[in-house]
Amino acid sequence: MGGKSFYCDYCECFMKNDINVRQNHGAGTAHNIAKANYIQRYKDPQQIITEEKVKTPCKRISNNLECSFGFFCRFSHYSSEELNYLQFIVDEREYKKERHMLKKTPLIWNSSKTRKKLPPVPIPPSLQPIDFEKMTDSCFESQWG
């Protein structure tokens, strides 16, 4: 049975397109480490910071060796400079989000330098809900056409 081969996006390798081969590959340690490394690239920086600050630094990484556990390692693979950079990214994101929210909702300053919201804008009559009691004044009994 010739045919197409299967490509694993996480491991970046080709294999025989057979269900047993794919299941064995998916259950393998190398595939799971490659998948964890791939998913780690798209993780939220705040989540990475909270997970990595609890961990102690990995001795293999600090000695400029490669850790075979990858992101499954129970020790941190991030240096303090990298964690500071991630914190900078999180702070910038929060600052931009706050600025965006300030643009959306108009705020004013009072004398005590605290923010308060402006009073709600009155709704035009065409957008107000229908008051059926006011409609009794109109004549619906007129003949059409």
C-alpha atoms as a PDB file:
ATOM      1  CA  MET A   1       0.000   0.000   0.000  1.00  0.00           C
ATOM      2  CA  GLY A   2       1.934   2.999  -1.251  1.00  0.00           C
ATOM      3  CA  GLY A   3       0.644   6.458  -0.925  1.00  0.00           C
ATOM      4  CA  LYS A   4       1.052   9.652   0.915  1.00  0.00           C
ATOM      5  CA  SER A   5       3.097  10.116   4.015  1.00  0.00           C
ATOM      6  CA  PHE A   6       1.966  11.874   7.187  1.00  0.00           C
ATOM      7  CA  TYR A   7       3.707  15.071   8.347  1.00  0.00           C
ATOM      8  CA  CYS A   8       3.882  15.909  12.052  1.00  0.00           C
ATOM      9  CA  ASP A   9       3.799  19.696  12.515  1.00  0.00           C
ATOM     10  CA  TYR A  10       5.229  19.525  16.029  1.00  0.00           C
ATOM     11  CA  CYS A  11       8.191  17.267  15.234  1.00  0.00           C
ATOM     12  CA  GLU A  12       8.612  18.481  11.642  1.00  0.00           C
ATOM     13  CA  CYS A  13       9.061  14.979  10.272  1.00  0.00           C
ATOM     14  CA  PHE A  14       7.369  12.655   7.754  1.00  0.00           C
ATOM     15  CA  MET A  15       6.152   9.152   8.544  1.00  0.00           C
ATOM     16  CA  LYS A  16       4.081   6.414   6.990  1.00  0.00           C
ATOM     17  CA  ASN A  17       0.398   7.309   6.825  1.00  0.00           C
ATOM     18  CA  ASP A  18      -0.750   4.378   8.936  1.00  0.00           C
ATOM     19  CA  ILE A  19      -2.971   4.652  12.006  1.00  0.00           C
ATOM     20  CA  ASN A  20      -0.667   2.499  14.158  1.00  0.00           C
ATOM     21  CA  VAL A  21       2.415   4.484  13.194  1.00  0.00           C
ATOM     22  CA  ARG A  22       0.683   7.776  13.928  1.00  0.00           C
ATOM     23  CA  GLN A  23      -0.642   6.556  17.301  1.00  0.00           C
ATOM     24  CA  ASN A  24       2.793   5.281  18.351  1.00  0.00           C
ATOM     25  CA  HIS A  25       4.374   8.553  17.276  1.00  0.00           C
ATOM     26  CA  GLY A  26       1.749  10.608  19.135  1.00  0.00           C
ATOM     27  CA  ALA A  27       2.319   8.629  22.338  1.00  0.00           C
ATOM     28  CA  GLY A  28       6.104   9.041  22.161  1.00  0.00           C
ATOM     29  CA  THR A  29       8.156  11.213  24.492  1.00  0.00           C
ATOM     30  CA  ALA A  30       9.903  13.090  21.675  1.00  0.00           C
ATOM     31  CA  HIS A  31       6.549  14.060  20.147  1.00  0.00           C
ATOM     32  CA  ASN A  32       5.139  15.237  23.493  1.00  0.00           C
ATOM     33  CA  ILE A  33       8.228  17.380  24.170  1.00  0.00           C
ATOM     34  CA  ALA A  34       8.049  18.875  20.668  1.00  0.00           C
ATOM     35  CA  LYS A  35       4.330  19.570  21.151  1.00  0.00           C
ATOM     36  CA  ALA A  36       4.955  21.265  24.524  1.00  0.00           C
ATOM     37  CA  ASN A  37       7.683  23.424  22.954  1.00  0.00           C
ATOM     38  CA  TYR A  38       5.324  24.393  20.136  1.00  0.00           C
ATOM     39  CA  ILE A  39       2.458  25.286  22.476  1.00  0.00           C
ATOM     40  CA  GLN A  40       4.803  27.247  24.764  1.00  0.00           C
ATOM     41  CA  ARG A  41       5.450  29.724  21.923  1.00  0.00           C
ATOM     42  CA  TYR A  42       1.791  30.822  22.006  1.00  0.00           C
ATOM     43  CA  LYS A  43       1.303  30.938  25.764  1.00  0.00           C
ATOM     44  CA  ASP A  44       0.279  34.172  27.461  1.00  0.00           C
ATOM     45  CA  PRO A  45       3.352  35.997  28.877  1.00  0.00           C
ATOM     46  CA  GLN A  46       1.619  36.611  32.220  1.00  0.00           C
ATOM     47  CA  GLN A  47       0.976  32.885  32.601  1.00  0.00           C
ATOM     48  CA  ILE A  48       4.622  32.098  31.784  1.00  0.00           C
ATOM     49  CA  ILE A  49       5.821  34.595  34.402  1.00  0.00           C
ATOM     50  CA  THR A  50       3.604  33.168  37.140  1.00  0.00           C
ATOM     51  CA  GLU A  51       4.708  29.599  36.359  1.00  0.00           C
ATOM     52  CA  GLU A  52       8.422  30.347  36.029  1.00  0.00           C
ATOM     53  CA  LYS A  53       8.875  32.612  39.071  1.00  0.00           C
ATOM     54  CA  VAL A  54       8.018  29.689  41.353  1.00  0.00           C
ATOM     55  CA  LYS A  55      10.627  27.399  39.805  1.00  0.00           C
ATOM     56  CA  THR A  56      14.349  27.345  40.534  1.00  0.00           C
ATOM     57  CA  PRO A  57      16.784  27.761  37.591  1.00  0.00           C
ATOM     58  CA  CYS A  58      17.750  24.623  35.661  1.00  0.00           C
ATOM     59  CA  LYS A  59      21.407  23.660  36.284  1.00  0.00           C
ATOM     60  CA  ARG A  60      21.897  22.331  32.769  1.00  0.00           C
ATOM     61  CA  ILE A  61      20.716  25.590  31.179  1.00  0.00           C
ATOM     62  CA  SER A  62      22.834  27.682  33.555  1.00  0.00           C
ATOM     63  CA  ASN A  63      25.897  25.610  32.519  1.00  0.00           C
ATOM     64  CA  ASN A  64      25.093  26.257  28.817  1.00  0.00           C
ATOM     65  CA  LEU A  65      24.039  22.637  28.250  1.00  0.00           C
ATOM     66  CA  GLU A  66      20.851  21.470  26.557  1.00  0.00           C
ATOM     67  CA  CYS A  67      18.150  20.139  28.844  1.00  0.00           C
ATOM     68  CA  SER A  68      16.594  17.008  27.382  1.00  0.00           C
ATOM     69  CA  PHE A  69      13.289  17.613  29.214  1.00  0.00           C
ATOM     70  CA  GLY A  70      12.500  20.852  27.393  1.00  0.00           C
ATOM     71  CA  PHE A  71       9.412  22.542  28.843  1.00  0.00           C
ATOM     72  CA  PHE A  72       8.569  19.386  30.802  1.00  0.00           C
ATOM     73  CA  CYS A  73      11.517  20.213  33.055  1.00  0.00           C
ATOM     74  CA  ARG A  74      10.447  21.105  36.584  1.00  0.00           C
ATOM     75  CA  PHE A  75      13.130  23.791  36.696  1.00  0.00           C
ATOM     76  CA  SER A  76      13.015  27.189  35.015  1.00  0.00           C
ATOM     77  CA  HIS A  77      14.659  27.628  31.613  1.00  0.00           C
ATOM     78  CA  TYR A  78      14.207  31.412  31.584  1.00  0.00           C
ATOM     79  CA  SER A  79      16.935  33.805  32.675  1.00  0.00           C
ATOM     80  CA  SER A  80      16.110  36.814  34.835  1.00  0.00           C
ATOM     81  CA  GLU A  81      16.577  39.078  31.780  1.00  0.00           C
ATOM     82  CA  GLU A  82      14.032  37.050  29.809  1.00  0.00           C
ATOM     83  CA  LEU A  83      11.542  37.178  32.685  1.00  0.00           C
ATOM     84  CA  ASN A  84      12.053  40.942  32.960  1.00  0.00           C
ATOM     85  CA  TYR A  85      11.397  41.269  29.223  1.00  0.00           C
ATOM     86  CA  LEU A  86       8.195  39.220  29.543  1.00  0.00           C
ATOM     87  CA  GLN A  87       7.117  41.453  32.439  1.00  0.00           C
ATOM     88  CA  PHE A  88       7.783  44.487  30.241  1.00  0.00           C
ATOM     89  CA  ILE A  89       5.541  42.994  27.528  1.00  0.00           C
ATOM     90  CA  VAL A  90       2.757  42.384  30.071  1.00  0.00           C
ATOM     91  CA  ASP A  91       3.055  45.929  31.436  1.00  0.00           C
ATOM     92  CA  GLU A  92       2.916  47.416  27.931  1.00  0.00           C
ATOM     93  CA  ARG A  93      -0.144  45.323  27.099  1.00  0.00           C
ATOM     94  CA  GLU A  94      -1.909  46.493  30.270  1.00  0.00           C
ATOM     95  CA  TYR A  95      -0.977  50.119  29.531  1.00  0.00           C
ATOM     96  CA  LYS A  96      -2.362  49.887  25.976  1.00  0.00           C
ATOM     97  CA  LYS A  97      -5.534  48.205  27.233  1.00  0.00           C
ATOM     98  CA  GLU A  98      -6.030  50.986  29.797  1.00  0.00           C
ATOM     99  CA  ARG A  99      -5.473  53.679  27.174  1.00  0.00           C
ATOM    100  CA  HIS A 100      -7.942  51.959  24.844  1.00  0.00           C
ATOM    101  CA  MET A 101     -10.561  51.827  27.594  1.00  0.00           C
ATOM    102  CA  LEU A 102     -10.000  55.529  28.313  1.00  0.00           C
ATOM    103  CA  LYS A 103     -10.719  56.328  24.674  1.00  0.00           C
ATOM    104  CA  LYS A 104     -13.924  54.253  24.726  1.00  0.00           C
ATOM    105  CA  THR A 105     -15.517  55.724  27.849  1.00  0.00           C
ATOM    106  CA  PRO A 106     -15.214  59.494  28.290  1.00  0.00           C
ATOM    107  CA  LEU A 107     -13.929  60.373  31.733  1.00  0.00           C
ATOM    108  CA  ILE A 108     -13.534  63.725  33.452  1.00  0.00           C
ATOM    109  CA  TRP A 109     -11.408  64.847  36.390  1.00  0.00           C
ATOM    110  CA  ASN A 110     -12.952  66.478  39.418  1.00  0.00           C
ATOM    111  CA  SER A 111     -11.180  68.591  42.020  1.00  0.00           C
ATOM    112  CA  SER A 112     -10.005  65.600  44.067  1.00  0.00           C
ATOM    113  CA  LYS A 113      -8.173  64.174  41.018  1.00  0.00           C
ATOM    114  CA  THR A 114     -10.337  61.045  40.885  1.00  0.00           C
ATOM    115  CA  ARG A 115     -12.020  59.854  37.744  1.00  0.00           C
ATOM    116  CA  LYS A 116     -15.758  59.800  37.393  1.00  0.00           C
ATOM    117  CA  LYS A 117     -17.972  58.905  34.471  1.00  0.00           C
ATOM    118  CA  LEU A 118     -19.949  61.496  32.582  1.00  0.00           C
ATOM    119  CA  PRO A 119     -23.746  61.401  33.013  1.00  0.00           C
ATOM    120  CA  PRO A 120     -25.567  59.254  30.445  1.00  0.00           C
ATOM    121  CA  VAL A 121     -26.546  60.920  27.186  1.00  0.00           C
ATOM    122  CA  PRO A 122     -30.336  61.259  26.768  1.00  0.00           C
ATOM    123  CA  ILE A 123     -31.810  58.905  24.185  1.00  0.00           C
ATOM    124  CA  PRO A 124     -33.538  60.585  21.215  1.00  0.00           C
ATOM    125  CA  PRO A 125     -37.325  60.027  21.034  1.00  0.00           C
ATOM    126  CA  SER A 126     -37.044  57.781  18.004  1.00  0.00           C
ATOM    127  CA  LEU A 127     -34.939  55.274  19.992  1.00  0.00           C
ATOM    128  CA  GLN A 128     -36.945  55.377  23.212  1.00  0.00           C
ATOM    129  CA  PRO A 129     -39.265  52.456  24.013  1.00  0.00           C
ATOM    130  CA  ILE A 130     -42.860  52.794  22.838  1.00  0.00           C
ATOM    131  CA  ASP A 131     -45.316  54.120  25.411  1.00  0.00           C
ATOM    132  CA  PHE A 132     -48.697  52.617  24.484  1.00  0.00           C
ATOM    133  CA  GLU A 133     -50.642  54.993  26.737  1.00  0.00           C
ATOM    134  CA  LYS A 134     -49.605  57.924  24.570  1.00  0.00           C
ATOM    135  CA  MET A 135     -50.815  56.114  21.464  1.00  0.00           C
ATOM    136  CA  THR A 136     -54.491  56.295  22.498  1.00  0.00           C
ATOM    137  CA  ASP A 137     -54.574  59.921  21.352  1.00  0.00           C
ATOM    138  CA  SER A 138     -53.976  58.956  17.747  1.00  0.00           C
ATOM    139  CA  CYS A 139     -56.778  57.815  15.482  1.00  0.00           C
ATOM    140  CA  PHE A 140     -56.319  54.210  14.313  1.00  0.00           C
ATOM    141  CA  GLU A 141     -59.876  53.873  13.136  1.00  0.00           C
ATOM    142  CA  SER A 142     -59.428  55.896   9.984  1.00  0.00           C
ATOM    143  CA  GLN A 143     -60.054  54.190   6.681  1.00  0.00           C
ATOM    144  CA  TRP A 144     -57.143  53.323   4.492  1.00  0.00           C
ATOM    145  CA  GLY A 145     -57.068  53.873   0.757  1.00  0.00           C
END
